[in-house]
Each structure stands twice: as structure tokens, then as C-alpha cells.
Amino acid sequence: MSKLTIYLALAQSGLWWAVAVAVFTSVLTMVALMRPFYRVFWAVPAVAGAREAPVREKPVREVPAFMWAPMVVLAALCLLLGLAPGLAYGLLHQAAALLAGVGG
């Protein structure tokens, strides 16, 4: 829906060249993503033994906490801001006011 809203806003502003660029970019993105999408969801799995398995020098193991902890913290922040978006209002309002003052 957000892309449609952007397309409609551009069209209402009379920026038809921007509508064309935006639609072309969206179509190009879709075409670029179709092959990986097809390979992941619809391609026939490779036959076992068709390729040699990569040789691993070290066994696969779980990553240490300092690598997964930041992802957990960021996911929790996303969840928190998704459930209570008003928590970020003060900071975002100040940033928007600053940008509005610079731009206008």
C-alpha cells in the first residue's frame, strides 16, 4: 500500500516522470527477485551427491553471546516500539522539527 500511496501522490502532483521511474524501479526489483524466489520455493532439490559437500575444517557450533545479543536487543526494541510507538514521539518530534527548520 505504501508504494501505491507514493505513486498516487506523485500522479496528483503531476510528476509523471517520477511515477514512471518509481514503477520501473518496482518492476525491476520484482524481476530481480523472481529467480531467487523460484529457486528457494519451487526448484527441485539437488540430488544428494551431485556435488561434493564442502570440506569443513572446524565443526559448526553456536555463535557466542556477544554476536546474538545485539540482535535480541534490537528485536526487543522493534517489538517495544511496535506495541508502544508513543515512546519514541519526543525524540522523533525533535528530529522532525529540526529537519523542518533546516528545509524550510
Protein backbone atom coordinates (compact mmCIF):
# COMPACT_ATOMS: atom_id res chain seq x y z
CA MET A 1 0.00 0.00 0.00
CA SER A 2 2.81 2.45 0.69
CA LYS A 3 4.10 2.23 -2.88
CA LEU A 4 0.62 2.81 -4.21
CA THR A 5 0.29 5.86 -1.98
CA ILE A 6 3.57 7.23 -3.31
CA TYR A 7 2.51 6.59 -6.91
CA LEU A 8 -0.82 8.34 -6.33
CA ALA A 9 0.83 11.32 -4.62
CA LEU A 10 3.30 11.70 -7.48
CA ALA A 11 0.50 11.48 -10.04
CA GLN A 12 -1.60 14.07 -8.20
CA SER A 13 1.41 16.38 -8.17
CA GLY A 14 1.77 15.98 -11.93
CA LEU A 15 5.19 14.36 -11.66
CA TRP A 16 4.54 11.72 -14.30
CA TRP A 17 8.22 11.16 -14.96
CA ALA A 18 8.69 10.27 -11.28
CA VAL A 19 5.72 7.86 -11.47
CA ALA A 20 7.37 6.17 -14.46
CA VAL A 21 10.72 5.91 -12.65
CA ALA A 22 9.08 4.55 -9.48
CA VAL A 23 7.03 1.93 -11.35
CA PHE A 24 10.03 0.93 -13.48
CA THR A 25 12.15 0.52 -10.34
CA SER A 26 9.46 -1.60 -8.69
CA VAL A 27 9.15 -3.85 -11.73
CA LEU A 28 12.93 -4.17 -12.00
CA THR A 29 13.12 -5.15 -8.33
CA MET A 30 10.40 -7.76 -8.81
CA VAL A 31 12.17 -9.25 -11.82
CA ALA A 32 15.49 -9.37 -9.96
CA LEU A 33 13.90 -11.19 -7.01
CA MET A 34 11.94 -13.74 -9.02
CA ARG A 35 14.87 -16.07 -9.69
CA PRO A 36 15.96 -16.45 -6.04
CA PHE A 37 12.31 -16.75 -5.02
CA TYR A 38 11.79 -19.51 -7.57
CA ARG A 39 14.97 -21.33 -6.58
CA VAL A 40 14.10 -21.24 -2.89
CA PHE A 41 10.44 -22.24 -3.09
CA TRP A 42 9.83 -24.15 -6.34
CA ALA A 43 13.08 -25.54 -7.68
CA VAL A 44 13.69 -29.26 -7.48
CA PRO A 45 16.22 -30.01 -4.74
CA ALA A 46 19.65 -31.02 -5.91
CA VAL A 47 20.30 -34.75 -5.95
CA ALA A 48 22.34 -35.90 -2.98
CA GLY A 49 25.90 -36.50 -4.04
CA ALA A 50 25.57 -34.41 -7.20
CA ARG A 51 28.13 -32.05 -5.77
CA GLU A 52 30.70 -32.81 -3.19
CA ALA A 53 29.94 -31.41 0.22
CA PRO A 54 32.26 -28.61 1.25
CA VAL A 55 35.09 -29.68 3.47
CA ARG A 56 34.85 -28.02 6.87
CA GLU A 57 37.99 -27.56 8.84
CA LYS A 58 36.08 -26.73 12.02
CA PRO A 59 32.79 -28.19 13.19
CA VAL A 60 29.71 -25.98 13.12
CA ARG A 61 28.93 -24.53 16.54
CA GLU A 62 26.65 -21.95 18.13
CA VAL A 63 27.82 -18.35 17.97
CA PRO A 64 28.90 -16.65 21.19
CA ALA A 65 26.52 -14.40 23.11
CA PHE A 66 28.22 -11.17 22.03
CA MET A 67 27.13 -11.93 18.46
CA TRP A 68 23.47 -12.80 19.08
CA ALA A 69 22.80 -10.43 21.99
CA PRO A 70 22.66 -7.27 19.81
CA MET A 71 20.10 -8.94 17.55
CA VAL A 72 17.95 -9.85 20.55
CA VAL A 73 18.17 -6.29 21.90
CA LEU A 74 17.24 -4.76 18.52
CA ALA A 75 14.37 -7.21 18.08
CA ALA A 76 13.07 -6.33 21.53
CA LEU A 77 13.27 -2.61 20.69
CA CYS A 78 11.37 -3.21 17.45
CA LEU A 79 8.69 -5.10 19.35
CA LEU A 80 8.50 -2.40 22.04
CA LEU A 81 8.20 0.44 19.52
CA GLY A 82 5.68 -1.55 17.53
CA LEU A 83 3.48 -2.05 20.57
CA ALA A 84 4.02 1.42 22.08
CA PRO A 85 5.08 3.82 19.31
CA GLY A 86 4.41 6.85 21.52
CA LEU A 87 7.61 6.11 23.44
CA ALA A 88 9.70 7.49 20.58
CA TYR A 89 7.48 10.53 19.98
CA GLY A 90 9.66 13.03 21.87
CA LEU A 91 12.84 12.14 20.02
CA LEU A 92 11.13 11.89 16.64
CA HIS A 93 9.27 15.18 17.16
CA GLN A 94 12.52 16.99 17.91
CA ALA A 95 14.20 15.48 14.84
CA ALA A 96 11.25 16.37 12.59
CA ALA A 97 11.16 19.94 13.93
CA LEU A 98 14.88 20.30 13.33
CA LEU A 99 14.62 18.97 9.79
CA ALA A 100 11.58 21.15 9.05
CA GLY A 101 13.53 24.19 10.21
CA VAL A 102 16.52 23.33 8.01
CA GLY A 103 14.43 22.51 4.95
CA GLY A 104 12.03 25.41 5.07
